[in-house]
Amino acid sequence: MNNQHDFSGGKRGAVIKTNKEKITIRFDPDVVQWFRDQVKGGGNYQSLINDALKAHIKQEGQSLETVLRRVIREEMMAERKQVAA
């Protein structure tokens, strides 16, 4: 072993096994903030993003446009009900 490295005080760390792939991805700040706000009581916003993407993938056959139109309609209806109340 090379004499310039001293590992005598080193500690072995835990090995984390995962089936997830580490990538770098860029989101708009407001998107990230929305997910962070959803887990303020505890949780992991990255896992929440992952779950949202999985849910979208499971929408078998529905295009992103169809899903977005449905979500927007639902949000508009909820807003109307809230304003009327």
C-alpha atoms as a PDB file:
ATOM      1  CA  MET A   1       0.000   0.000   0.000  1.00  0.00           C
ATOM      2  CA  ASN A   2       1.147   3.514  -0.728  1.00  0.00           C
ATOM      3  CA  ASN A   3       2.801   5.132   2.321  1.00  0.00           C
ATOM      4  CA  GLN A   4       1.151   8.525   1.742  1.00  0.00           C
ATOM      5  CA  HIS A   5      -2.324   7.193   2.606  1.00  0.00           C
ATOM      6  CA  ASP A   6      -3.151   6.526   6.265  1.00  0.00           C
ATOM      7  CA  PHE A   7      -6.402   4.656   6.744  1.00  0.00           C
ATOM      8  CA  SER A   8      -5.745   3.684  10.358  1.00  0.00           C
ATOM      9  CA  GLY A   9      -8.500   6.039  11.627  1.00  0.00           C
ATOM     10  CA  GLY A  10     -10.938   5.184   8.862  1.00  0.00           C
ATOM     11  CA  LYS A  11     -14.336   3.668   9.464  1.00  0.00           C
ATOM     12  CA  ARG A  12     -16.250   1.424   7.142  1.00  0.00           C
ATOM     13  CA  GLY A  13     -19.536   2.958   6.033  1.00  0.00           C
ATOM     14  CA  ALA A  14     -22.839   1.267   5.399  1.00  0.00           C
ATOM     15  CA  VAL A  15     -23.343  -0.093   1.922  1.00  0.00           C
ATOM     16  CA  ILE A  16     -26.647   1.016   0.475  1.00  0.00           C
ATOM     17  CA  LYS A  17     -28.122  -1.252  -2.145  1.00  0.00           C
ATOM     18  CA  THR A  18     -30.805   0.232  -4.342  1.00  0.00           C
ATOM     19  CA  ASN A  19     -32.482  -0.566  -7.589  1.00  0.00           C
ATOM     20  CA  LYS A  20     -32.770   3.114  -8.468  1.00  0.00           C
ATOM     21  CA  GLU A  21     -30.593   4.842 -10.994  1.00  0.00           C
ATOM     22  CA  LYS A  22     -28.915   8.094 -10.050  1.00  0.00           C
ATOM     23  CA  ILE A  23     -29.290  10.775 -12.731  1.00  0.00           C
ATOM     24  CA  THR A  24     -29.141  14.526 -13.010  1.00  0.00           C
ATOM     25  CA  ILE A  25     -32.353  16.178 -14.136  1.00  0.00           C
ATOM     26  CA  ARG A  26     -33.471  19.798 -14.223  1.00  0.00           C
ATOM     27  CA  PHE A  27     -36.932  20.984 -13.177  1.00  0.00           C
ATOM     28  CA  ASP A  28     -38.366  24.462 -12.935  1.00  0.00           C
ATOM     29  CA  PRO A  29     -37.943  25.846  -9.404  1.00  0.00           C
ATOM     30  CA  ASP A  30     -41.708  26.151  -8.893  1.00  0.00           C
ATOM     31  CA  VAL A  31     -42.177  22.466  -9.748  1.00  0.00           C
ATOM     32  CA  VAL A  32     -39.551  21.371  -7.231  1.00  0.00           C
ATOM     33  CA  GLN A  33     -40.984  23.719  -4.601  1.00  0.00           C
ATOM     34  CA  TRP A  34     -44.474  22.283  -5.091  1.00  0.00           C
ATOM     35  CA  PHE A  35     -43.206  18.744  -4.442  1.00  0.00           C
ATOM     36  CA  ARG A  36     -41.177  19.920  -1.434  1.00  0.00           C
ATOM     37  CA  ASP A  37     -44.264  21.619  -0.025  1.00  0.00           C
ATOM     38  CA  GLN A  38     -46.199  18.357  -0.305  1.00  0.00           C
ATOM     39  CA  VAL A  39     -43.799  16.570   2.068  1.00  0.00           C
ATOM     40  CA  LYS A  40     -43.227  19.318   4.637  1.00  0.00           C
ATOM     41  CA  GLY A  41     -44.474  17.065   7.447  1.00  0.00           C
ATOM     42  CA  GLY A  42     -41.842  14.499   6.544  1.00  0.00           C
ATOM     43  CA  GLY A  43     -40.998  12.457   3.548  1.00  0.00           C
ATOM     44  CA  ASN A  44     -38.874  12.690   0.464  1.00  0.00           C
ATOM     45  CA  TYR A  45     -39.854  14.988  -2.389  1.00  0.00           C
ATOM     46  CA  GLN A  46     -37.724  12.992  -4.839  1.00  0.00           C
ATOM     47  CA  SER A  47     -39.711   9.849  -4.043  1.00  0.00           C
ATOM     48  CA  LEU A  48     -42.896  11.842  -4.550  1.00  0.00           C
ATOM     49  CA  ILE A  49     -41.700  12.948  -8.003  1.00  0.00           C
ATOM     50  CA  ASN A  50     -40.848   9.322  -8.781  1.00  0.00           C
ATOM     51  CA  ASP A  51     -44.326   8.210  -7.679  1.00  0.00           C
ATOM     52  CA  ALA A  52     -45.967  10.906  -9.817  1.00  0.00           C
ATOM     53  CA  LEU A  53     -44.008   9.803 -12.865  1.00  0.00           C
ATOM     54  CA  LYS A  54     -44.897   6.152 -12.224  1.00  0.00           C
ATOM     55  CA  ALA A  55     -48.576   7.082 -11.925  1.00  0.00           C
ATOM     56  CA  HIS A  56     -48.374   8.881 -15.252  1.00  0.00           C
ATOM     57  CA  ILE A  57     -46.750   5.863 -16.904  1.00  0.00           C
ATOM     58  CA  LYS A  58     -49.539   3.618 -15.588  1.00  0.00           C
ATOM     59  CA  GLN A  59     -52.162   5.746 -17.364  1.00  0.00           C
ATOM     60  CA  GLU A  60     -51.918   3.145 -20.158  1.00  0.00           C
ATOM     61  CA  GLY A  61     -52.819   4.615 -23.486  1.00  0.00           C
ATOM     62  CA  GLN A  62     -53.643   8.083 -22.224  1.00  0.00           C
ATOM     63  CA  SER A  63     -51.496  10.804 -23.681  1.00  0.00           C
ATOM     64  CA  LEU A  64     -49.956  13.428 -21.441  1.00  0.00           C
ATOM     65  CA  GLU A  65     -52.290  15.943 -23.072  1.00  0.00           C
ATOM     66  CA  THR A  66     -55.353  13.895 -22.085  1.00  0.00           C
ATOM     67  CA  VAL A  67     -54.156  13.550 -18.502  1.00  0.00           C
ATOM     68  CA  LEU A  68     -53.338  17.259 -18.243  1.00  0.00           C
ATOM     69  CA  ARG A  69     -56.726  18.250 -19.649  1.00  0.00           C
ATOM     70  CA  ARG A  70     -58.467  16.002 -17.094  1.00  0.00           C
ATOM     71  CA  VAL A  71     -56.414  17.376 -14.200  1.00  0.00           C
ATOM     72  CA  ILE A  72     -57.021  20.980 -15.278  1.00  0.00           C
ATOM     73  CA  ARG A  73     -60.776  20.337 -15.560  1.00  0.00           C
ATOM     74  CA  GLU A  74     -60.818  18.754 -12.090  1.00  0.00           C
ATOM     75  CA  GLU A  75     -58.877  21.660 -10.598  1.00  0.00           C
ATOM     76  CA  MET A  76     -61.179  24.220 -12.241  1.00  0.00           C
ATOM     77  CA  MET A  77     -64.266  22.419 -10.899  1.00  0.00           C
ATOM     78  CA  ALA A  78     -62.775  22.248  -7.404  1.00  0.00           C
ATOM     79  CA  GLU A  79     -61.977  25.975  -7.539  1.00  0.00           C
ATOM     80  CA  ARG A  80     -65.522  26.822  -8.663  1.00  0.00           C
ATOM     81  CA  LYS A  81     -66.978  24.781  -5.809  1.00  0.00           C
ATOM     82  CA  GLN A  82     -64.667  26.479  -3.327  1.00  0.00           C
ATOM     83  CA  VAL A  83     -65.584  29.962  -4.580  1.00  0.00           C
ATOM     84  CA  ALA A  84     -69.302  29.108  -4.486  1.00  0.00           C
ATOM     85  CA  ALA A  85     -69.095  27.865  -0.876  1.00  0.00           C
END
